[in-house]
Each structure stands twice: as C-alpha cells, then as structure tokens.
C-alpha atoms as a PDB file:
ATOM      1  CA  MET A   1      25.373  37.046   3.196  1.00  0.00           C
ATOM      2  CA  ARG A   2      26.546  34.150   1.106  1.00  0.00           C
ATOM      3  CA  PHE A   3      25.229  30.655   1.539  1.00  0.00           C
ATOM      4  CA  LYS A   4      27.699  27.828   1.577  1.00  0.00           C
ATOM      5  CA  PRO A   5      27.101  25.086  -0.941  1.00  0.00           C
ATOM      6  CA  ARG A   6      25.772  21.903   0.536  1.00  0.00           C
ATOM      7  CA  LYS A   7      28.370  19.286   1.376  1.00  0.00           C
ATOM      8  CA  HIS A   8      28.032  15.992  -0.443  1.00  0.00           C
ATOM      9  CA  ASN A   9      28.072  13.875   2.705  1.00  0.00           C
ATOM     10  CA  GLN A  10      24.918  15.511   4.065  1.00  0.00           C
ATOM     11  CA  GLU A  11      21.457  14.101   3.482  1.00  0.00           C
ATOM     12  CA  SER A  12      18.106  15.826   3.406  1.00  0.00           C
ATOM     13  CA  LEU A  13      15.606  15.030   6.141  1.00  0.00           C
ATOM     14  CA  GLY A  14      13.477  13.142   3.613  1.00  0.00           C
ATOM     15  CA  GLU A  15      16.409  10.948   2.634  1.00  0.00           C
ATOM     16  CA  VAL A  16      17.160  10.171   6.277  1.00  0.00           C
ATOM     17  CA  ILE A  17      13.527   9.290   6.979  1.00  0.00           C
ATOM     18  CA  ASP A  18      13.374   7.059   3.888  1.00  0.00           C
ATOM     19  CA  ARG A  19      16.535   5.265   4.974  1.00  0.00           C
ATOM     20  CA  MET A  20      15.194   4.779   8.520  1.00  0.00           C
ATOM     21  CA  LEU A  21      11.917   3.366   7.176  1.00  0.00           C
ATOM     22  CA  ASP A  22      13.915   0.799   5.227  1.00  0.00           C
ATOM     23  CA  VAL A  23      16.388  -0.014   8.018  1.00  0.00           C
ATOM     24  CA  TYR A  24      13.679  -0.517  10.647  1.00  0.00           C
ATOM     25  CA  ARG A  25      11.331  -2.193   8.144  1.00  0.00           C
ATOM     26  CA  LEU A  26       8.518   0.266   8.786  1.00  0.00           C
ATOM     27  CA  ARG A  27       7.694   1.103   5.185  1.00  0.00           C
ATOM     28  CA  SER A  28       5.411  -1.916   4.713  1.00  0.00           C
ATOM     29  CA  GLY A  29       3.439  -1.034   7.852  1.00  0.00           C
ATOM     30  CA  LEU A  30       2.992   2.564   6.758  1.00  0.00           C
ATOM     31  CA  THR A  31       1.924   1.430   3.302  1.00  0.00           C
ATOM     32  CA  GLU A  32      -0.613  -0.951   4.855  1.00  0.00           C
ATOM     33  CA  LEU A  33      -2.003   1.870   7.008  1.00  0.00           C
ATOM     34  CA  SER A  34      -2.347   4.083   3.940  1.00  0.00           C
ATOM     35  CA  ILE A  35      -4.155   1.346   2.019  1.00  0.00           C
ATOM     36  CA  ASN A  36      -6.518   0.696   4.939  1.00  0.00           C
ATOM     37  CA  SER A  37      -7.312   4.372   5.455  1.00  0.00           C
ATOM     38  CA  GLU A  38      -8.181   4.855   1.776  1.00  0.00           C
ATOM     39  CA  TRP A  39      -9.616   1.393   1.018  1.00  0.00           C
ATOM     40  CA  SER A  40     -13.079   2.732   0.131  1.00  0.00           C
ATOM     41  CA  THR A  41     -11.468   5.089  -2.407  1.00  0.00           C
ATOM     42  CA  ILE A  42      -9.228   2.366  -3.844  1.00  0.00           C
ATOM     43  CA  ALA A  43     -11.754  -0.482  -4.027  1.00  0.00           C
ATOM     44  CA  GLY A  44     -15.022   1.440  -3.982  1.00  0.00           C
ATOM     45  CA  PRO A  45     -17.627   1.742  -1.216  1.00  0.00           C
ATOM     46  CA  ALA A  46     -19.499  -1.475  -2.126  1.00  0.00           C
ATOM     47  CA  ILE A  47     -16.372  -3.622  -1.759  1.00  0.00           C
ATOM     48  CA  ALA A  48     -15.089  -1.688   1.261  1.00  0.00           C
ATOM     49  CA  SER A  49     -18.337  -2.238   3.157  1.00  0.00           C
ATOM     50  CA  ARG A  50     -17.928  -6.020   2.752  1.00  0.00           C
ATOM     51  CA  THR A  51     -14.214  -6.084   3.575  1.00  0.00           C
ATOM     52  CA  ASP A  52     -13.238  -7.229   7.066  1.00  0.00           C
ATOM     53  CA  GLU A  53      -9.493  -6.679   6.784  1.00  0.00           C
ATOM     54  CA  VAL A  54      -6.764  -5.685   4.325  1.00  0.00           C
ATOM     55  CA  ILE A  55      -3.250  -6.915   5.116  1.00  0.00           C
ATOM     56  CA  LEU A  56      -0.027  -6.253   3.223  1.00  0.00           C
ATOM     57  CA  ARG A  57       2.620  -8.964   3.648  1.00  0.00           C
ATOM     58  CA  GLY A  58       5.606  -8.310   1.450  1.00  0.00           C
ATOM     59  CA  SER A  59       4.241  -8.144  -2.070  1.00  0.00           C
ATOM     60  CA  LYS A  60       0.969  -9.951  -1.215  1.00  0.00           C
ATOM     61  CA  LEU A  61      -2.218  -8.074  -0.441  1.00  0.00           C
ATOM     62  CA  ILE A  62      -4.598 -10.220   1.596  1.00  0.00           C
ATOM     63  CA  ILE A  63      -8.226  -9.121   1.455  1.00  0.00           C
ATOM     64  CA  ARG A  64     -10.571 -10.739   3.982  1.00  0.00           C
ATOM     65  CA  LEU A  65     -14.171 -10.479   2.863  1.00  0.00           C
ATOM     66  CA  ASN A  66     -17.397 -11.230   4.707  1.00  0.00           C
ATOM     67  CA  SER A  67     -19.259 -12.216   1.538  1.00  0.00           C
ATOM     68  CA  PRO A  68     -18.524 -15.473  -0.332  1.00  0.00           C
ATOM     69  CA  ALA A  69     -20.383 -14.162  -3.387  1.00  0.00           C
ATOM     70  CA  LEU A  70     -18.213 -11.044  -3.482  1.00  0.00           C
ATOM     71  CA  ARG A  71     -15.085 -13.167  -3.027  1.00  0.00           C
ATOM     72  CA  GLN A  72     -16.026 -15.132  -6.142  1.00  0.00           C
ATOM     73  CA  GLU A  73     -16.788 -11.955  -8.092  1.00  0.00           C
ATOM     74  CA  LEU A  74     -13.529 -10.268  -7.069  1.00  0.00           C
ATOM     75  CA  HIS A  75     -11.542 -13.327  -8.081  1.00  0.00           C
ATOM     76  CA  TYR A  76     -11.895 -12.140 -11.679  1.00  0.00           C
ATOM     77  CA  GLN A  77     -11.066  -8.522 -10.791  1.00  0.00           C
ATOM     78  CA  ARG A  78      -7.801  -9.143  -8.918  1.00  0.00           C
ATOM     79  CA  GLU A  79      -5.648  -7.585 -11.644  1.00  0.00           C
ATOM     80  CA  GLN A  80      -7.691  -4.388 -11.619  1.00  0.00           C
ATOM     81  CA  ILE A  81      -7.590  -4.173  -7.808  1.00  0.00           C
ATOM     82  CA  MET A  82      -3.822  -4.735  -7.869  1.00  0.00           C
ATOM     83  CA  GLU A  83      -3.463  -1.962 -10.452  1.00  0.00           C
ATOM     84  CA  ASN A  84      -5.580   0.415  -8.338  1.00  0.00           C
ATOM     85  CA  VAL A  85      -3.581  -0.316  -5.178  1.00  0.00           C
ATOM     86  CA  ASN A  86      -0.219   0.088  -6.917  1.00  0.00           C
ATOM     87  CA  GLN A  87      -1.383   3.318  -8.522  1.00  0.00           C
ATOM     88  CA  PHE A  88      -2.479   4.598  -5.088  1.00  0.00           C
ATOM     89  CA  ILE A  89       0.873   3.644  -3.527  1.00  0.00           C
ATOM     90  CA  GLY A  90       2.845   5.048  -6.447  1.00  0.00           C
ATOM     91  CA  LYS A  91       4.960   1.895  -6.849  1.00  0.00           C
ATOM     92  CA  ASP A  92       4.517  -1.675  -8.045  1.00  0.00           C
ATOM     93  CA  THR A  93       4.538  -3.034  -4.514  1.00  0.00           C
ATOM     94  CA  VAL A  94       1.645  -5.503  -4.745  1.00  0.00           C
ATOM     95  CA  LYS A  95       2.379  -8.481  -7.001  1.00  0.00           C
ATOM     96  CA  GLU A  96      -0.348 -10.856  -5.788  1.00  0.00           C
ATOM     97  CA  ILE A  97      -3.814 -10.589  -4.261  1.00  0.00           C
ATOM     98  CA  LEU A  98      -5.250 -13.273  -2.005  1.00  0.00           C
ATOM     99  CA  LEU A  99      -8.973 -13.248  -1.302  1.00  0.00           C
ATOM    100  CA  GLN A 100     -10.089 -14.871   1.931  1.00  0.00           C
END
C-alpha cells in the first residue's frame, strides 16, 4: 500500500491549534495558567509562598506580593525573574515585571 504525499494546503493538528489560540486570543491565558501552576519552580518556594497572585497582561507580568520587604528585595531581581519566566515559557514573552 502506498501512502499519498501530503497536500500543501493541509495543516497538522498542532498548526490548527496554534492558529486557533492566536485567533481567539487564548495563548496569553494558557501561558498565565502555566506560569501560575509552576510559579514555585520558577520563582522558588520562598517567593511563591509570599505571592498572592501572578497575572500576565500582554508583555507585563504583574506579581502581587503579601510582603513589602520581599517586594523591595525583588525590585532588584526583576531581570532574573523575567529571564526565568521567559526560559520557562520558551519565548521572550515577558518584557516588564511589575511588583505590587
């Protein structure tokens, strides 16, 4: 039995899903869910235990903390956190980190 070569106008399921995520603007929400589910791995358990919420809005990552002292300390580590998040995502999605 011979297999027919794939036609050029067909897409793989992965390509269709990727396109749908972009069309319906769901990619950001899925990325935010991934970041939240792995936040203790990305930021470390000490930071994760003092984090109330992590929100991704476009290219901004908003981190709401319940410790003013930690907020001040993390202010100087924003670049490293951004690097860790982007490495986890696999893209340079996060361009700015806001600590609240």
